[in-house]
Protein backbone atom coordinates (compact mmCIF):
# COMPACT_ATOMS: atom_id res chain seq x y z
CA MET A 1 99.81 72.35 111.50
CA PRO A 2 103.08 70.38 111.36
CA GLN A 3 105.04 70.31 114.60
CA ILE A 4 108.78 70.92 114.52
CA PRO A 5 110.79 69.09 117.18
CA GLU A 6 112.45 71.39 119.75
CA LYS A 7 115.89 69.93 118.94
CA ILE A 8 115.69 71.43 115.43
CA HIS A 9 117.04 74.97 115.60
CA GLU A 10 116.99 75.82 111.91
CA LEU A 11 114.06 75.53 109.56
CA THR A 12 113.80 75.13 105.81
CA VAL A 13 111.77 77.63 103.82
CA GLY A 14 109.08 74.97 103.42
CA GLN A 15 108.87 74.44 107.18
CA VAL A 16 108.60 78.19 107.83
CA ALA A 17 105.91 78.46 105.15
CA ALA A 18 103.93 75.55 106.59
CA ARG A 19 104.10 76.84 110.17
CA SER A 20 103.55 80.54 109.41
CA GLY A 21 100.92 80.24 106.69
CA ALA A 22 102.99 82.50 104.45
CA ALA A 23 103.76 81.40 100.91
CA VAL A 24 107.36 80.54 100.08
CA SER A 25 107.37 83.44 97.62
CA ALA A 26 106.25 85.77 100.43
CA LEU A 27 109.11 84.57 102.62
CA HIS A 28 111.59 85.20 99.81
CA PHE A 29 110.06 88.67 99.37
CA TYR A 30 110.29 89.40 103.12
CA GLU A 31 113.93 88.37 103.04
CA ALA A 32 114.65 90.56 100.03
CA LYS A 33 113.05 93.49 101.90
CA GLY A 34 115.18 92.87 105.00
CA LEU A 35 112.33 91.74 107.24
CA ILE A 36 113.75 88.27 107.91
CA THR A 37 117.16 86.70 107.39
CA SER A 38 118.49 83.27 106.57
CA ARG A 39 121.82 81.62 106.19
CA ARG A 40 122.82 79.49 103.23
CA THR A 41 123.93 75.89 103.50
CA PRO A 42 126.89 74.60 101.47
CA GLY A 43 124.23 73.45 98.96
CA ASN A 44 122.91 77.06 98.80
CA GLN A 45 119.63 76.22 100.58
CA ARG A 46 118.08 78.74 102.94
CA ARG A 47 117.95 77.97 106.65
CA TYR A 48 115.95 80.12 109.06
CA SER A 49 116.28 80.29 112.83
CA ARG A 50 113.17 79.31 114.80
CA ASP A 51 112.53 82.92 115.82
CA THR A 52 111.78 83.69 112.17
CA LEU A 53 108.30 82.29 112.80
CA ARG A 54 107.61 85.07 115.32
CA ARG A 55 109.05 87.73 113.01
CA VAL A 56 106.84 86.52 110.15
CA ALA A 57 103.81 86.57 112.46
CA PHE A 58 104.73 90.14 113.47
CA VAL A 59 105.10 91.24 109.83
CA ARG A 60 101.82 89.65 108.76
CA ALA A 61 99.88 91.11 111.70
CA ALA A 62 101.24 94.59 110.96
CA GLN A 63 100.41 94.19 107.27
CA ARG A 64 96.83 93.17 108.08
CA VAL A 65 96.24 96.49 109.82
CA GLY A 66 97.74 98.40 106.89
CA ILE A 67 101.26 99.18 108.07
CA PRO A 68 103.61 99.57 105.08
CA LEU A 69 106.52 97.13 104.83
CA ALA A 70 109.06 99.96 105.01
CA THR A 71 107.62 101.02 108.38
CA ILE A 72 107.65 97.42 109.60
CA ARG A 73 111.29 97.05 108.54
CA GLU A 74 112.22 100.24 110.43
CA ALA A 75 110.47 98.95 113.54
CA LEU A 76 112.25 95.59 113.38
CA ALA A 77 115.61 97.30 112.81
CA GLU A 78 115.18 99.28 116.04
CA LEU A 79 115.06 96.11 118.12
CA PRO A 80 118.35 95.40 119.93
CA GLU A 81 120.49 93.01 117.91
CA GLU A 82 117.51 92.54 115.59
CA ARG A 83 115.97 90.17 118.13
CA THR A 84 112.52 88.69 117.81
CA PRO A 85 109.69 91.11 118.72
CA THR A 86 108.04 90.47 122.06
CA GLN A 87 104.51 91.23 123.21
CA GLU A 88 105.85 94.43 124.80
CA ASP A 89 107.47 95.43 121.48
CA TRP A 90 104.15 94.91 119.71
CA ALA A 91 102.30 97.00 122.31
CA ARG A 92 104.81 99.87 121.99
CA LEU A 93 104.88 99.83 118.20
CA SER A 94 101.13 99.47 117.80
CA GLU A 95 100.68 102.53 120.01
CA THR A 96 102.90 104.60 117.72
CA TRP A 97 101.03 103.29 114.66
CA ARG A 98 97.62 104.03 116.17
CA SER A 99 97.50 107.72 115.17
CA GLU A 100 98.50 106.86 111.60
CA LEU A 101 95.75 104.25 111.43
CA ASP A 102 93.20 106.64 112.97
CA GLU A 103 94.01 109.22 110.28
CA ARG A 104 93.62 106.60 107.52
CA ILE A 105 90.26 105.55 108.95
CA ALA A 106 89.10 109.17 109.01
CA GLN A 107 90.34 109.68 105.46
CA LEU A 108 88.50 106.57 104.25
CA GLY A 109 85.33 107.79 105.97
CA ARG A 110 85.59 111.13 104.16
CA LEU A 111 86.25 109.34 100.87
CA ARG A 112 83.20 107.10 101.39
CA ASP A 113 80.98 110.09 102.18
CA HIS A 114 82.18 112.07 99.16
CA LEU A 115 81.95 109.05 96.87
CA THR A 116 78.21 108.92 97.49
CA ASP A 117 77.95 112.62 96.61
CA CYS A 118 80.05 112.07 93.51
CA ILE A 119 77.93 109.22 92.21
CA GLY A 120 74.82 111.38 92.67
CA CYS A 121 76.42 114.30 90.85
CA GLY A 122 78.28 112.39 88.14
CA CYS A 123 80.29 115.42 87.04
CA LEU A 124 83.83 114.52 88.12
CA SER A 125 84.64 118.20 87.58
CA LEU A 126 88.30 118.92 88.13
CA GLU A 127 87.34 122.32 89.51
CA ASN A 128 84.72 121.26 92.01
CA CYS A 129 85.04 117.52 92.58
CA VAL A 130 85.96 116.73 96.17
CA LEU A 131 87.52 113.44 95.03
CA SER A 132 89.63 114.61 92.10
CA ASN A 133 90.50 118.07 93.39
CA PRO A 134 89.67 118.68 97.07
CA ASP A 135 89.43 122.39 97.90
CA ASP A 136 90.56 123.19 94.31
CA VAL A 137 94.20 122.89 95.36
CA PHE A 138 95.29 122.20 91.80
CA GLY A 139 93.60 125.36 90.51
CA GLU A 140 95.78 127.45 92.80
CA ARG A 141 98.99 126.08 91.28
CA LEU A 142 98.33 125.12 87.68
CA THR A 143 96.19 125.87 84.70
CA GLY A 144 94.81 123.28 82.30
CA SER A 145 94.49 119.64 83.23
CA ARG A 146 95.16 119.51 86.93
CA LEU A 147 95.84 115.82 87.39
CA MET A 148 98.39 115.33 84.63
CA THR A 149 102.03 115.96 85.38
CA GLU A 150 103.59 118.91 83.64
CA ARG A 151 105.25 118.05 80.35
CA ARG A 152 108.73 119.23 79.65
CA GLU A 153 109.19 121.29 76.55
CA ARG A 154 110.76 119.20 73.82
CA PRO A 155 113.12 120.79 71.31
CA ALA A 156 111.56 121.31 67.89
CA ARG A 157 112.39 118.64 65.33
CA PRO A 158 114.25 119.74 62.20
């Protein structure tokens, strides 16, 4: 991993990519989504502060556990003066995300268990299938095809 001398306070996009392991396109995407910021040089080149490396590490770690980018952006925006997240920040945020992750894990477990049943049955019935229509919730609200959105009536053509 390339070392960046301490006297350098701003990094190019290539340096951030090399040090963080994130692709340049990912860094541009993170910037477009408001997760990291840069300034532009007179030649219109991006320059990132050194703390961007920690922010990118924070974003990538949160993504790996399934946290949506919008949630990550909200978390970063809550930090005073949009400072770099600390270990304490990560501990606090990960605790709030824990219940969401626990629910996703439970949901995936249910999906896995029902998928086995579905493969054995093979019906994919919209009335009874626990994957397509759990608890027949669509049958309570609509008639006909339950997974298609309702079509708007079009005026008759002359």
